[in-house]
PDB file of N, CA and C in Angstrom:
ATOM      1  N   UNK A   1     124.048  75.310  98.116  1.00  0.00           N
ATOM      2  CA  UNK A   1     125.220  75.965  97.603  1.00  0.00           C
ATOM      3  C   UNK A   1     126.155  76.248  98.763  1.00  0.00           C
ATOM      4  N   UNK A   2     127.428  76.085  98.509  1.00  0.00           N
ATOM      5  CA  UNK A   2     128.421  76.347  99.536  1.00  0.00           C
ATOM      6  C   UNK A   2     129.448  77.319  98.985  1.00  0.00           C
ATOM      7  N   UNK A   3     129.822  78.287  99.791  1.00  0.00           N
ATOM      8  CA  UNK A   3     130.815  79.272  99.397  1.00  0.00           C
ATOM      9  C   UNK A   3     131.878  79.330 100.476  1.00  0.00           C
ATOM     10  N   UNK A   4     133.109  79.404 100.051  1.00  0.00           N
ATOM     11  CA  UNK A   4     134.217  79.543 100.981  1.00  0.00           C
ATOM     12  C   UNK A   4     134.803  80.934 100.816  1.00  0.00           C
ATOM     13  N   UNK A   5     134.996  81.615 101.922  1.00  0.00           N
ATOM     14  CA  UNK A   5     135.588  82.946 101.893  1.00  0.00           C
ATOM     15  C   UNK A   5     136.907  82.878 102.651  1.00  0.00           C
ATOM     16  N   UNK A   6     137.956  83.315 101.992  1.00  0.00           N
ATOM     17  CA  UNK A   6     139.273  83.335 102.610  1.00  0.00           C
ATOM     18  C   UNK A   6     139.577  84.754 103.077  1.00  0.00           C
ATOM     19  N   UNK A   7     140.100  84.871 104.270  1.00  0.00           N
ATOM     20  CA  UNK A   7     140.481  86.173 104.786  1.00  0.00           C
ATOM     21  C   UNK A   7     141.749  86.020 105.598  1.00  0.00           C
ATOM     22  N   UNK A   8     142.439  87.147 105.826  1.00  0.00           N
ATOM     23  CA  UNK A   8     143.687  87.108 106.586  1.00  0.00           C
ATOM     24  C   UNK A   8     143.613  88.097 107.749  1.00  0.00           C
ATOM     25  N   UNK A   9     144.741  88.316 108.404  1.00  0.00           N
ATOM     26  CA  UNK A   9     144.772  89.178 109.591  1.00  0.00           C
ATOM     27  C   UNK A   9     144.313  90.601 109.300  1.00  0.00           C
ATOM     28  N   UNK A  10     144.544  91.077 108.083  1.00  0.00           N
ATOM     29  CA  UNK A  10     144.125  92.436 107.730  1.00  0.00           C
ATOM     30  C   UNK A  10     142.603  92.585 107.749  1.00  0.00           C
ATOM     31  N   UNK A  11     141.889  91.475 107.617  1.00  0.00           N
ATOM     32  CA  UNK A  11     140.431  91.493 107.582  1.00  0.00           C
ATOM     33  C   UNK A  11     139.799  91.264 108.953  1.00  0.00           C
ATOM     34  N   UNK A  12     140.609  91.140 109.982  1.00  0.00           N
ATOM     35  CA  UNK A  12     140.099  90.789 111.310  1.00  0.00           C
ATOM     36  C   UNK A  12     139.057  91.788 111.811  1.00  0.00           C
ATOM     37  N   UNK A  13     139.287  93.071 111.577  1.00  0.00           N
ATOM     38  CA  UNK A  13     138.327  94.080 112.036  1.00  0.00           C
ATOM     39  C   UNK A  13     136.963  93.860 111.386  1.00  0.00           C
ATOM     40  N   UNK A  14     136.942  93.672 110.068  1.00  0.00           N
ATOM     41  CA  UNK A  14     135.670  93.472 109.361  1.00  0.00           C
ATOM     42  C   UNK A  14     134.980  92.186 109.804  1.00  0.00           C
ATOM     43  N   UNK A  15     135.749  91.133 109.974  1.00  0.00           N
ATOM     44  CA  UNK A  15     135.166  89.866 110.425  1.00  0.00           C
ATOM     45  C   UNK A  15     134.590  90.045 111.828  1.00  0.00           C
ATOM     46  N   UNK A  16     135.270  90.821 112.662  1.00  0.00           N
ATOM     47  CA  UNK A  16     134.739  91.123 113.994  1.00  0.00           C
ATOM     48  C   UNK A  16     133.411  91.865 113.916  1.00  0.00           C
ATOM     49  N   UNK A  17     133.312  92.802 112.979  1.00  0.00           N
ATOM     50  CA  UNK A  17     132.059  93.537 112.782  1.00  0.00           C
ATOM     51  C   UNK A  17     130.946  92.601 112.311  1.00  0.00           C
ATOM     52  N   UNK A  18     131.292  91.693 111.396  1.00  0.00           N
ATOM     53  CA  UNK A  18     130.313  90.714 110.897  1.00  0.00           C
ATOM     54  C   UNK A  18     129.842  89.828 112.043  1.00  0.00           C
ATOM     55  N   UNK A  19     130.788  89.359 112.853  1.00  0.00           N
ATOM     56  CA  UNK A  19     130.423  88.492 113.979  1.00  0.00           C
ATOM     57  C   UNK A  19     129.545  89.231 114.994  1.00  0.00           C
ATOM     58  N   UNK A  20     129.855  90.498 115.257  1.00  0.00           N
ATOM     59  CA  UNK A  20     129.043  91.283 116.195  1.00  0.00           C
ATOM     60  C   UNK A  20     127.624  91.466 115.653  1.00  0.00           C
ATOM     61  N   UNK A  21     127.516  91.753 114.370  1.00  0.00           N
ATOM     62  CA  UNK A  21     126.199  91.894 113.744  1.00  0.00           C
ATOM     63  C   UNK A  21     125.447  90.565 113.817  1.00  0.00           C
ATOM     64  N   UNK A  22     126.154  89.467 113.614  1.00  0.00           N
ATOM     65  CA  UNK A  22     125.539  88.144 113.698  1.00  0.00           C
ATOM     66  C   UNK A  22     124.994  87.853 115.086  1.00  0.00           C
ATOM     67  N   UNK A  23     125.751  88.236 116.116  1.00  0.00           N
ATOM     68  CA  UNK A  23     125.270  88.030 117.486  1.00  0.00           C
ATOM     69  C   UNK A  23     124.032  88.884 117.763  1.00  0.00           C
ATOM     70  N   UNK A  24     124.060  90.149 117.314  1.00  0.00           N
ATOM     71  CA  UNK A  24     122.906  91.040 117.536  1.00  0.00           C
ATOM     72  C   UNK A  24     121.653  90.523 116.832  1.00  0.00           C
ATOM     73  N   UNK A  25     121.837  90.015 115.611  1.00  0.00           N
ATOM     74  CA  UNK A  25     120.693  89.580 114.809  1.00  0.00           C
ATOM     75  C   UNK A  25     120.433  88.077 114.907  1.00  0.00           C
ATOM     76  N   UNK A  26     121.264  87.397 115.706  1.00  0.00           N
ATOM     77  CA  UNK A  26     121.156  85.943 115.875  1.00  0.00           C
ATOM     78  C   UNK A  26     121.220  85.219 114.536  1.00  0.00           C
ATOM     79  N   UNK A  27     122.261  85.583 113.769  1.00  0.00           N
ATOM     80  CA  UNK A  27     122.493  84.977 112.458  1.00  0.00           C
ATOM     81  C   UNK A  27     123.910  84.432 112.407  1.00  0.00           C
ATOM     82  N   UNK A  28     124.110  83.489 111.519  1.00  0.00           N
ATOM     83  CA  UNK A  28     125.451  82.956 111.321  1.00  0.00           C
ATOM     84  C   UNK A  28     126.305  83.964 110.557  1.00  0.00           C
ATOM     85  N   UNK A  29     127.608  83.777 110.606  1.00  0.00           N
ATOM     86  CA  UNK A  29     128.522  84.645 109.871  1.00  0.00           C
ATOM     87  C   UNK A  29     128.177  84.649 108.387  1.00  0.00           C
ATOM     88  N   UNK A  30     127.934  83.473 107.830  1.00  0.00           N
ATOM     89  CA  UNK A  30     127.635  83.410 106.392  1.00  0.00           C
ATOM     90  C   UNK A  30     126.318  84.109 106.067  1.00  0.00           C
ATOM     91  N   UNK A  31     125.317  84.001 106.938  1.00  0.00           N
ATOM     92  CA  UNK A  31     124.040  84.682 106.699  1.00  0.00           C
ATOM     93  C   UNK A  31     124.221  86.196 106.718  1.00  0.00           C
ATOM     94  N   UNK A  32     125.056  86.693 107.620  1.00  0.00           N
ATOM     95  CA  UNK A  32     125.321  88.134 107.687  1.00  0.00           C
ATOM     96  C   UNK A  32     126.039  88.592 106.427  1.00  0.00           C
ATOM     97  N   UNK A  33     127.063  87.852 106.016  1.00  0.00           N
ATOM     98  CA  UNK A  33     127.814  88.226 104.810  1.00  0.00           C
ATOM     99  C   UNK A  33     126.903  88.222 103.593  1.00  0.00           C
ATOM    100  N   UNK A  34     126.052  87.213 103.475  1.00  0.00           N
ATOM    101  CA  UNK A  34     125.136  87.164 102.329  1.00  0.00           C
ATOM    102  C   UNK A  34     124.141  88.318 102.355  1.00  0.00           C
ATOM    103  N   UNK A  35     123.646  88.685 103.531  1.00  0.00           N
ATOM    104  CA  UNK A  35     122.700  89.809 103.595  1.00  0.00           C
ATOM    105  C   UNK A  35     123.392  91.122 103.238  1.00  0.00           C
ATOM    106  N   UNK A  36     124.651  91.274 103.624  1.00  0.00           N
ATOM    107  CA  UNK A  36     125.410  92.471 103.253  1.00  0.00           C
ATOM    108  C   UNK A  36     125.616  92.521 101.744  1.00  0.00           C
ATOM    109  N   UNK A  37     125.971  91.392 101.153  1.00  0.00           N
ATOM    110  CA  UNK A  37     126.143  91.339  99.696  1.00  0.00           C
ATOM    111  C   UNK A  37     124.837  91.629  98.974  1.00  0.00           C
ATOM    112  N   UNK A  38     123.762  91.059  99.477  1.00  0.00           N
ATOM    113  CA  UNK A  38     122.446  91.286  98.876  1.00  0.00           C
ATOM    114  C   UNK A  38     122.087  92.772  98.937  1.00  0.00           C
ATOM    115  N   UNK A  39     122.313  93.388 100.077  1.00  0.00           N
ATOM    116  CA  UNK A  39     122.032  94.819 100.224  1.00  0.00           C
ATOM    117  C   UNK A  39     122.853  95.640  99.241  1.00  0.00           C
ATOM    118  N   UNK A  40     124.109  95.285  99.097  1.00  0.00           N
ATOM    119  CA  UNK A  40     124.992  96.037  98.204  1.00  0.00           C
ATOM    120  C   UNK A  40     124.535  95.944  96.751  1.00  0.00           C
ATOM    121  N   UNK A  41     124.254  94.735  96.302  1.00  0.00           N
ATOM    122  CA  UNK A  41     123.932  94.533  94.896  1.00  0.00           C
ATOM    123  C   UNK A  41     122.490  94.882  94.540  1.00  0.00           C
ATOM    124  N   UNK A  42     121.606  94.921  95.503  1.00  0.00           N
ATOM    125  CA  UNK A  42     120.196  95.170  95.204  1.00  0.00           C
ATOM    126  C   UNK A  42     119.735  96.577  95.563  1.00  0.00           C
ATOM    127  N   UNK A  43     120.635  97.437  96.004  1.00  0.00           N
ATOM    128  CA  UNK A  43     120.206  98.773  96.415  1.00  0.00           C
ATOM    129  C   UNK A  43     119.688  99.585  95.232  1.00  0.00           C
ATOM    130  N   UNK A  44     118.667 100.375  95.507  1.00  0.00           N
ATOM    131  CA  UNK A  44     118.052 101.275  94.520  1.00  0.00           C
ATOM    132  C   UNK A  44     117.487 100.564  93.298  1.00  0.00           C
ATOM    133  N   UNK A  45     117.082  99.335  93.445  1.00  0.00           N
ATOM    134  CA  UNK A  45     116.514  98.603  92.315  1.00  0.00           C
ATOM    135  C   UNK A  45     115.008  98.496  92.455  1.00  0.00           C
ATOM    136  N   UNK A  46     114.367  98.422  91.316  1.00  0.00           N
ATOM    137  CA  UNK A  46     112.920  98.251  91.280  1.00  0.00           C
ATOM    138  C   UNK A  46     112.598  96.765  91.368  1.00  0.00           C
ATOM    139  N   UNK A  47     111.332  96.462  91.631  1.00  0.00           N
ATOM    140  CA  UNK A  47     110.903  95.081  91.845  1.00  0.00           C
ATOM    141  C   UNK A  47     111.325  94.167  90.696  1.00  0.00           C
ATOM    142  N   UNK A  48     111.057  94.577  89.471  1.00  0.00           N
ATOM    143  CA  UNK A  48     111.386  93.748  88.311  1.00  0.00           C
ATOM    144  C   UNK A  48     112.867  93.441  88.209  1.00  0.00           C
ATOM    145  N   UNK A  49     113.705  94.433  88.486  1.00  0.00           N
ATOM    146  CA  UNK A  49     115.154  94.227  88.433  1.00  0.00           C
ATOM    147  C   UNK A  49     115.596  93.219  89.485  1.00  0.00           C
ATOM    148  N   UNK A  50     115.007  93.310  90.664  1.00  0.00           N
ATOM    149  CA  UNK A  50     115.355  92.370  91.734  1.00  0.00           C
ATOM    150  C   UNK A  50     114.934  90.959  91.342  1.00  0.00           C
ATOM    151  N   UNK A  51     113.740  90.807  90.771  1.00  0.00           N
ATOM    152  CA  UNK A  51     113.267  89.481  90.348  1.00  0.00           C
ATOM    153  C   UNK A  51     114.186  88.887  89.288  1.00  0.00           C
ATOM    154  N   UNK A  52     114.639  89.704  88.344  1.00  0.00           N
ATOM    155  CA  UNK A  52     115.575  89.222  87.320  1.00  0.00           C
ATOM    156  C   UNK A  52     116.887  88.821  87.979  1.00  0.00           C
ATOM    157  N   UNK A  53     117.401  89.657  88.887  1.00  0.00           N
ATOM    158  CA  UNK A  53     118.652  89.346  89.577  1.00  0.00           C
ATOM    159  C   UNK A  53     118.553  88.060  90.388  1.00  0.00           C
ATOM    160  N   UNK A  54     117.380  87.808  90.965  1.00  0.00           N
ATOM    161  CA  UNK A  54     117.180  86.571  91.731  1.00  0.00           C
ATOM    162  C   UNK A  54     117.073  85.355  90.819  1.00  0.00           C
ATOM    163  N   UNK A  55     116.889  85.597  89.527  1.00  0.00           N
ATOM    164  CA  UNK A  55     116.792  84.496  88.568  1.00  0.00           C
ATOM    165  C   UNK A  55     115.429  83.842  88.524  1.00  0.00           C
ATOM    166  N   UNK A  56     114.404  84.525  89.019  1.00  0.00           N
ATOM    167  CA  UNK A  56     113.065  83.925  89.059  1.00  0.00           C
ATOM    168  C   UNK A  56     112.204  84.341  87.875  1.00  0.00           C
ATOM    169  N   UNK A  57     112.693  85.290  87.078  1.00  0.00           N
ATOM    170  CA  UNK A  57     111.970  85.717  85.883  1.00  0.00           C
ATOM    171  C   UNK A  57     113.001  86.146  84.839  1.00  0.00           C
ATOM    172  N   UNK A  58     112.694  85.879  83.595  1.00  0.00           N
ATOM    173  CA  UNK A  58     113.592  86.304  82.519  1.00  0.00           C
ATOM    174  C   UNK A  58     113.349  87.775  82.205  1.00  0.00           C
ATOM    175  N   UNK A  59     114.317  88.375  81.568  1.00  0.00           N
ATOM    176  CA  UNK A  59     114.157  89.771  81.162  1.00  0.00           C
ATOM    177  C   UNK A  59     112.985  89.909  80.189  1.00  0.00           C
ATOM    178  N   UNK A  60     112.824  88.922  79.309  1.00  0.00           N
ATOM    179  CA  UNK A  60     111.719  88.950  78.336  1.00  0.00           C
ATOM    180  C   UNK A  60     110.363  88.916  79.043  1.00  0.00           C
ATOM    181  N   UNK A  61     110.223  88.056  80.054  1.00  0.00           N
ATOM    182  CA  UNK A  61     108.952  87.990  80.788  1.00  0.00           C
ATOM    183  C   UNK A  61     108.712  89.244  81.624  1.00  0.00           C
ATOM    184  N   UNK A  62     109.783  89.837  82.134  1.00  0.00           N
ATOM    185  CA  UNK A  62     109.634  91.106  82.842  1.00  0.00           C
ATOM    186  C   UNK A  62     109.099  92.169  81.883  1.00  0.00           C
ATOM    187  N   UNK A  63     109.669  92.229  80.689  1.00  0.00           N
ATOM    188  CA  UNK A  63     109.197  93.198  79.682  1.00  0.00           C
ATOM    189  C   UNK A  63     107.736  92.943  79.330  1.00  0.00           C
ATOM    190  N   UNK A  64     107.352  91.666  79.262  1.00  0.00           N
ATOM    191  CA  UNK A  64     105.952  91.324  78.991  1.00  0.00           C
ATOM    192  C   UNK A  64     105.052  91.892  80.090  1.00  0.00           C
ATOM    193  N   UNK A  65     105.449  91.705  81.334  1.00  0.00           N
ATOM    194  CA  UNK A  65     104.672  92.230  82.454  1.00  0.00           C
ATOM    195  C   UNK A  65     104.602  93.747  82.446  1.00  0.00           C
ATOM    196  N   UNK A  66     105.716  94.397  82.128  1.00  0.00           N
ATOM    197  CA  UNK A  66     105.728  95.858  82.070  1.00  0.00           C
ATOM    198  C   UNK A  66     104.852  96.378  80.935  1.00  0.00           C
ATOM    199  N   UNK A  67     104.888  95.681  79.796  1.00  0.00           N
ATOM    200  CA  UNK A  67     104.026  96.066  78.670  1.00  0.00           C
ATOM    201  C   UNK A  67     102.551  95.938  79.042  1.00  0.00           C
ATOM    202  N   UNK A  68     102.207  94.839  79.740  1.00  0.00           N
ATOM    203  CA  UNK A  68     100.823  94.659  80.190  1.00  0.00           C
ATOM    204  C   UNK A  68     100.418  95.767  81.157  1.00  0.00           C
ATOM    205  N   UNK A  69     101.332  96.128  82.039  1.00  0.00           N
ATOM    206  CA  UNK A  69     101.040  97.186  83.004  1.00  0.00           C
ATOM    207  C   UNK A  69     100.791  98.515  82.287  1.00  0.00           C
ATOM    208  N   UNK A  70     101.582  98.772  81.272  1.00  0.00           N
ATOM    209  CA  UNK A  70     101.468 100.032  80.542  1.00  0.00           C
ATOM    210  C   UNK A  70     100.193 100.103  79.701  1.00  0.00           C
ATOM    211  N   UNK A  71      99.813  98.971  79.092  1.00  0.00           N
ATOM    212  CA  UNK A  71      98.712  99.004  78.129  1.00  0.00           C
ATOM    213  C   UNK A  71      97.359  98.572  78.696  1.00  0.00           C
ATOM    214  N   UNK A  72      97.365  97.559  79.542  1.00  0.00           N
ATOM    215  CA  UNK A  72      96.106  96.927  79.941  1.00  0.00           C
ATOM    216  C   UNK A  72      95.770  97.120  81.418  1.00  0.00           C
ATOM    217  N   UNK A  73      96.763  97.056  82.260  1.00  0.00           N
ATOM    218  CA  UNK A  73      96.538  97.082  83.708  1.00  0.00           C
ATOM    219  C   UNK A  73      97.202  98.308  84.337  1.00  0.00           C
ATOM    220  N   UNK A  74      96.849  99.475  83.880  1.00  0.00           N
ATOM    221  CA  UNK A  74      97.538 100.686  84.332  1.00  0.00           C
ATOM    222  C   UNK A  74      97.381 100.962  85.824  1.00  0.00           C
ATOM    223  N   UNK A  75      96.345 100.401  86.439  1.00  0.00           N
ATOM    224  CA  UNK A  75      96.114 100.646  87.861  1.00  0.00           C
ATOM    225  C   UNK A  75      96.636  99.526  88.754  1.00  0.00           C
ATOM    226  N   UNK A  76      97.327  98.540  88.177  1.00  0.00           N
ATOM    227  CA  UNK A  76      97.816  97.400  88.968  1.00  0.00           C
ATOM    228  C   UNK A  76      99.316  97.499  89.191  1.00  0.00           C
ATOM    229  N   UNK A  77      99.731  96.929  90.299  1.00  0.00           N
ATOM    230  CA  UNK A  77     101.154  96.841  90.604  1.00  0.00           C
ATOM    231  C   UNK A  77     101.792  95.732  89.776  1.00  0.00           C
ATOM    232  N   UNK A  78     103.059  95.914  89.443  1.00  0.00           N
ATOM    233  CA  UNK A  78     103.757  94.939  88.610  1.00  0.00           C
ATOM    234  C   UNK A  78     103.741  93.546  89.235  1.00  0.00           C
ATOM    235  N   UNK A  79     103.977  93.457  90.532  1.00  0.00           N
ATOM    236  CA  UNK A  79     103.985  92.152  91.195  1.00  0.00           C
ATOM    237  C   UNK A  79     102.673  91.413  91.022  1.00  0.00           C
ATOM    238  N   UNK A  80     101.560  92.131  91.136  1.00  0.00           N
ATOM    239  CA  UNK A  80     100.240  91.512  90.951  1.00  0.00           C
ATOM    240  C   UNK A  80     100.051  91.023  89.519  1.00  0.00           C
ATOM    241  N   UNK A  81     100.510  91.803  88.561  1.00  0.00           N
ATOM    242  CA  UNK A  81     100.392  91.402  87.151  1.00  0.00           C
ATOM    243  C   UNK A  81     101.216  90.150  86.887  1.00  0.00           C
ATOM    244  N   UNK A  82     102.448  90.132  87.370  1.00  0.00           N
ATOM    245  CA  UNK A  82     103.318  88.968  87.156  1.00  0.00           C
ATOM    246  C   UNK A  82     102.732  87.720  87.798  1.00  0.00           C
ATOM    247  N   UNK A  83     102.092  87.877  88.957  1.00  0.00           N
ATOM    248  CA  UNK A  83     101.442  86.741  89.616  1.00  0.00           C
ATOM    249  C   UNK A  83     100.232  86.264  88.825  1.00  0.00           C
ATOM    250  N   UNK A  84      99.391  87.193  88.377  1.00  0.00           N
ATOM    251  CA  UNK A  84      98.196  86.819  87.612  1.00  0.00           C
ATOM    252  C   UNK A  84      98.554  86.121  86.305  1.00  0.00           C
ATOM    253  N   UNK A  85      99.648  86.555  85.693  1.00  0.00           N
ATOM    254  CA  UNK A  85     100.093  85.947  84.434  1.00  0.00           C
ATOM    255  C   UNK A  85     100.914  84.678  84.679  1.00  0.00           C
ATOM    256  N   UNK A  86     101.079  84.323  85.956  1.00  0.00           N
ATOM    257  CA  UNK A  86     101.844  83.146  86.383  1.00  0.00           C
ATOM    258  C   UNK A  86     103.280  83.169  85.856  1.00  0.00           C
ATOM    259  N   UNK A  87     103.871  84.360  85.875  1.00  0.00           N
ATOM    260  CA  UNK A  87     105.254  84.515  85.444  1.00  0.00           C
ATOM    261  C   UNK A  87     106.226  84.379  86.612  1.00  0.00           C
ATOM    262  N   UNK A  88     105.708  84.517  87.831  1.00  0.00           N
ATOM    263  CA  UNK A  88     106.506  84.346  89.044  1.00  0.00           C
ATOM    264  C   UNK A  88     105.646  83.678  90.110  1.00  0.00           C
ATOM    265  N   UNK A  89     106.302  83.197  91.151  1.00  0.00           N
ATOM    266  CA  UNK A  89     105.584  82.593  92.277  1.00  0.00           C
ATOM    267  C   UNK A  89     105.349  83.655  93.355  1.00  0.00           C
ATOM    268  N   UNK A  90     104.354  83.429  94.202  1.00  0.00           N
ATOM    269  CA  UNK A  90     104.140  84.369  95.314  1.00  0.00           C
ATOM    270  C   UNK A  90     105.376  84.494  96.210  1.00  0.00           C
ATOM    271  N   UNK A  91     106.078  83.383  96.411  1.00  0.00           N
ATOM    272  CA  UNK A  91     107.275  83.401  97.257  1.00  0.00           C
ATOM    273  C   UNK A  91     108.357  84.301  96.667  1.00  0.00           C
ATOM    274  N   UNK A  92     108.498  84.266  95.345  1.00  0.00           N
ATOM    275  CA  UNK A  92     109.512  85.096  94.686  1.00  0.00           C
ATOM    276  C   UNK A  92     109.189  86.576  94.846  1.00  0.00           C
ATOM    277  N   UNK A  93     107.924  86.929  94.683  1.00  0.00           N
ATOM    278  CA  UNK A  93     107.521  88.332  94.840  1.00  0.00           C
ATOM    279  C   UNK A  93     107.717  88.768  96.289  1.00  0.00           C
ATOM    280  N   UNK A  94     107.363  87.912  97.243  1.00  0.00           N
ATOM    281  CA  UNK A  94     107.547  88.244  98.658  1.00  0.00           C
ATOM    282  C   UNK A  94     109.013  88.500  98.972  1.00  0.00           C
ATOM    283  N   UNK A  95     109.886  87.636  98.455  1.00  0.00           N
ATOM    284  CA  UNK A  95     111.325  87.803  98.705  1.00  0.00           C
ATOM    285  C   UNK A  95     111.836  89.103  98.093  1.00  0.00           C
ATOM    286  N   UNK A  96     111.436  89.374  96.854  1.00  0.00           N
ATOM    287  CA  UNK A  96     111.880  90.603  96.187  1.00  0.00           C
ATOM    288  C   UNK A  96     111.366  91.841  96.921  1.00  0.00           C
ATOM    289  N   UNK A  97     110.127  91.799  97.375  1.00  0.00           N
ATOM    290  CA  UNK A  97     109.570  92.933  98.119  1.00  0.00           C
ATOM    291  C   UNK A  97     110.274  93.116  99.461  1.00  0.00           C
ATOM    292  N   UNK A  98     110.648  92.008 100.087  1.00  0.00           N
ATOM    293  CA  UNK A  98     111.380  92.080 101.341  1.00  0.00           C
ATOM    294  C   UNK A  98     112.729  92.778 101.114  1.00  0.00           C
ATOM    295  N   UNK A  99     113.416  92.398 100.042  1.00  0.00           N
ATOM    296  CA  UNK A  99     114.698  93.026  99.712  1.00  0.00           C
ATOM    297  C   UNK A  99     114.491  94.515  99.453  1.00  0.00           C
ATOM    298  N   UNK A 100     113.478  94.831  98.671  1.00  0.00           N
ATOM    299  CA  UNK A 100     113.190  96.223  98.328  1.00  0.00           C
ATOM    300  C   UNK A 100     112.824  97.035  99.576  1.00  0.00           C
ATOM    301  N   UNK A 101     111.996  96.486 100.440  1.00  0.00           N
ATOM    302  CA  UNK A 101     111.604  97.179 101.671  1.00  0.00           C
ATOM    303  C   UNK A 101     112.803  97.434 102.572  1.00  0.00           C
ATOM    304  N   UNK A 102     113.666  96.433 102.693  1.00  0.00           N
ATOM    305  CA  UNK A 102     114.854  96.584 103.534  1.00  0.00           C
ATOM    306  C   UNK A 102     115.744  97.705 102.991  1.00  0.00           C
ATOM    307  N   UNK A 103     115.868  97.776 101.664  1.00  0.00           N
ATOM    308  CA  UNK A 103     116.674  98.833 101.060  1.00  0.00           C
ATOM    309  C   UNK A 103     116.082 100.210 101.348  1.00  0.00           C
ATOM    310  N   UNK A 104     114.781 100.315 101.252  1.00  0.00           N
ATOM    311  CA  UNK A 104     114.123 101.604 101.500  1.00  0.00           C
ATOM    312  C   UNK A 104     114.244 102.012 102.961  1.00  0.00           C
ATOM    313  N   UNK A 105     114.130 101.044 103.869  1.00  0.00           N
ATOM    314  CA  UNK A 105     114.282 101.338 105.296  1.00  0.00           C
ATOM    315  C   UNK A 105     115.686 101.840 105.591  1.00  0.00           C
ATOM    316  N   UNK A 106     116.687 101.160 105.018  1.00  0.00           N
ATOM    317  CA  UNK A 106     118.068 101.553 105.268  1.00  0.00           C
ATOM    318  C   UNK A 106     118.371 102.910 104.648  1.00  0.00           C
ATOM    319  N   UNK A 107     117.781 103.195 103.496  1.00  0.00           N
ATOM    320  CA  UNK A 107     117.981 104.505 102.866  1.00  0.00           C
ATOM    321  C   UNK A 107     117.346 105.600 103.720  1.00  0.00           C
ATOM    322  N   UNK A 108     116.220 105.284 104.336  1.00  0.00           N
ATOM    323  CA  UNK A 108     115.551 106.250 105.206  1.00  0.00           C
ATOM    324  C   UNK A 108     116.304 106.506 106.493  1.00  0.00           C
ATOM    325  N   UNK A 109     117.055 105.498 106.944  1.00  0.00           N
ATOM    326  CA  UNK A 109     117.823 105.634 108.184  1.00  0.00           C
ATOM    327  C   UNK A 109     119.188 106.258 107.958  1.00  0.00           C
ATOM    328  N   UNK A 110     119.585 106.402 106.705  1.00  0.00           N
ATOM    329  CA  UNK A 110     120.930 106.925 106.415  1.00  0.00           C
ATOM    330  C   UNK A 110     120.997 108.426 106.573  1.00  0.00           C
TER     331      UNK A 110
END
């Protein structure tokens, strides 16, 4: 996927901040912008919501996993249930947990 972002002189300060963050984190400008967008849109979300937002699970399958957690697997984490039911891949859960962990770390540092 390719995205083009247009900016003008009024945005120079923000682009400078993005570039500085990119140098510190050794990331490209586009990677920094995408991580900022991801942080903005995924803040304060639970694992299931993040998985739906990532497009790796349908809302119906998320509800199925939550129902199983409530009725049958009360002592299991949702991610484990979704994996056991083969509703998501391990990579998808890892990515969602990474997003969630990053949000919690940033909230703790605020």
